[in-house]
């Protein structure tokens, strides 16, 4: 089997990671809301929140989270692609607008999590 090393991957958390987000539209920012991260890749994230978020190309979402305790939070903007109901929350798929440096930080944090997971 040939492995494509440049193919994106997605890491699913056993326990969701908490973080915050806010929306930006036409230069105006909403108050911060709380979220849980269920999975992540270098260019995408699945978050859950009880709030109804607009799926609108003119609205961007800014997520702020830390995958490792004590690590500096990562703050990345993105676009909400889709929504799905899960129990009392809504699950959103977000395409992140990450730099190469952001992607590398995400990959290194995931490697550290995998290494520390029994």
Protein backbone atom coordinates (compact mmCIF):
# COMPACT_ATOMS: atom_id res chain seq x y z
CA UNK A 1 0.00 0.00 0.00
CA UNK A 2 1.40 3.38 -0.98
CA UNK A 3 1.26 6.05 1.74
CA UNK A 4 0.66 9.63 0.69
CA UNK A 5 2.75 11.65 3.17
CA UNK A 6 1.27 14.98 2.08
CA UNK A 7 -2.31 13.79 2.57
CA UNK A 8 -4.15 15.55 5.42
CA UNK A 9 -5.10 13.67 8.57
CA UNK A 10 -7.64 14.19 11.32
CA UNK A 11 -7.12 13.43 15.01
CA UNK A 12 -10.19 12.48 17.13
CA UNK A 13 -9.98 13.33 20.84
CA UNK A 14 -11.12 10.77 23.44
CA UNK A 15 -12.29 13.68 25.62
CA UNK A 16 -13.19 16.98 23.93
CA UNK A 17 -10.80 19.92 24.34
CA UNK A 18 -12.39 23.19 25.48
CA UNK A 19 -11.80 26.56 23.91
CA UNK A 20 -13.45 29.82 22.94
CA UNK A 21 -14.63 31.36 19.71
CA UNK A 22 -16.14 34.55 18.39
CA UNK A 23 -17.64 35.57 15.09
CA UNK A 24 -16.54 38.48 12.91
CA UNK A 25 -18.76 40.08 10.27
CA UNK A 26 -18.14 43.40 8.54
CA UNK A 27 -15.46 44.25 11.11
CA UNK A 28 -17.75 43.69 14.09
CA UNK A 29 -17.00 41.02 16.67
CA UNK A 30 -19.44 39.05 18.83
CA UNK A 31 -18.81 38.25 22.50
CA UNK A 32 -16.78 35.07 23.09
CA UNK A 33 -18.60 31.76 23.30
CA UNK A 34 -17.39 28.43 24.66
CA UNK A 35 -16.80 25.38 22.48
CA UNK A 36 -15.59 21.80 22.65
CA UNK A 37 -13.21 20.43 20.03
CA UNK A 38 -13.98 16.86 18.94
CA UNK A 39 -11.41 16.46 16.18
CA UNK A 40 -8.77 18.50 14.41
CA UNK A 41 -6.54 18.47 11.36
CA UNK A 42 -3.96 21.02 10.25
CA UNK A 43 -6.64 22.74 8.16
CA UNK A 44 -9.94 21.92 9.87
CA UNK A 45 -11.69 21.45 13.18
CA UNK A 46 -14.98 20.02 14.46
CA UNK A 47 -16.44 22.03 17.32
CA UNK A 48 -19.60 21.72 19.40
CA UNK A 49 -21.52 24.50 21.09
CA UNK A 50 -25.11 24.93 22.26
CA UNK A 51 -25.27 28.18 20.24
CA UNK A 52 -26.76 28.45 16.76
CA UNK A 53 -24.04 29.85 14.49
CA UNK A 54 -24.61 31.32 11.02
CA UNK A 55 -23.27 29.37 8.08
CA UNK A 56 -22.49 32.41 5.96
CA UNK A 57 -19.47 33.12 3.76
CA UNK A 58 -19.39 36.76 4.90
CA UNK A 59 -19.02 35.69 8.54
CA UNK A 60 -15.74 34.25 9.79
CA UNK A 61 -15.19 32.41 13.03
CA UNK A 62 -12.10 32.88 15.18
CA UNK A 63 -11.26 29.93 17.43
CA UNK A 64 -8.82 30.08 20.33
CA UNK A 65 -7.63 26.90 22.02
CA UNK A 66 -4.66 25.07 23.46
CA UNK A 67 -4.18 21.38 22.73
CA UNK A 68 -1.59 20.94 25.49
CA UNK A 69 -1.73 22.13 29.09
CA UNK A 70 0.47 25.15 29.62
CA UNK A 71 0.97 25.73 25.90
CA UNK A 72 0.32 29.11 24.34
CA UNK A 73 -3.20 29.19 22.86
CA UNK A 74 -3.55 29.02 19.10
CA UNK A 75 -5.84 31.67 17.60
CA UNK A 76 -7.01 30.91 14.05
CA UNK A 77 -9.82 32.21 11.88
CA UNK A 78 -11.90 30.07 9.57
CA UNK A 79 -15.20 29.49 7.80
CA UNK A 80 -18.07 27.36 9.08
CA UNK A 81 -18.83 24.74 6.44
CA UNK A 82 -21.63 22.66 7.93
CA UNK A 83 -23.79 22.02 10.99
CA UNK A 84 -25.14 18.83 12.58
CA UNK A 85 -27.25 18.25 15.70
CA UNK A 86 -25.74 16.07 18.45
CA UNK A 87 -27.85 15.69 21.60
CA UNK A 88 -28.12 19.18 23.18
CA UNK A 89 -25.40 20.76 21.05
CA UNK A 90 -24.65 21.62 17.47
CA UNK A 91 -21.54 20.20 15.83
CA UNK A 92 -19.85 22.49 13.30
CA UNK A 93 -17.20 21.72 10.73
CA UNK A 94 -14.80 24.62 10.30
CA UNK A 95 -12.18 25.08 7.59
CA UNK A 96 -9.26 26.83 9.28
CA UNK A 97 -7.22 29.50 7.52
CA UNK A 98 -3.91 28.29 8.94
CA UNK A 99 -0.39 29.34 8.08
CA UNK A 100 2.36 26.75 7.65
CA UNK A 101 3.52 27.69 11.17
CA UNK A 102 -0.01 27.14 12.60
CA UNK A 103 -0.24 23.77 10.83
CA UNK A 104 3.14 22.73 12.23
CA UNK A 105 2.07 23.74 15.78
CA UNK A 106 -1.09 21.64 15.43
CA UNK A 107 0.85 18.63 14.11
CA UNK A 108 3.46 18.87 16.89
CA UNK A 109 0.74 19.16 19.57
CA UNK A 110 -1.08 16.11 18.18
CA UNK A 111 2.17 14.12 18.15
CA UNK A 112 2.72 15.06 21.80
CA UNK A 113 -0.85 14.04 22.72
CA UNK A 114 -0.43 10.68 20.96
CA UNK A 115 2.89 10.09 22.71
CA UNK A 116 1.35 10.81 26.15
CA UNK A 117 -1.80 8.74 25.57
CA UNK A 118 -1.54 5.23 27.07
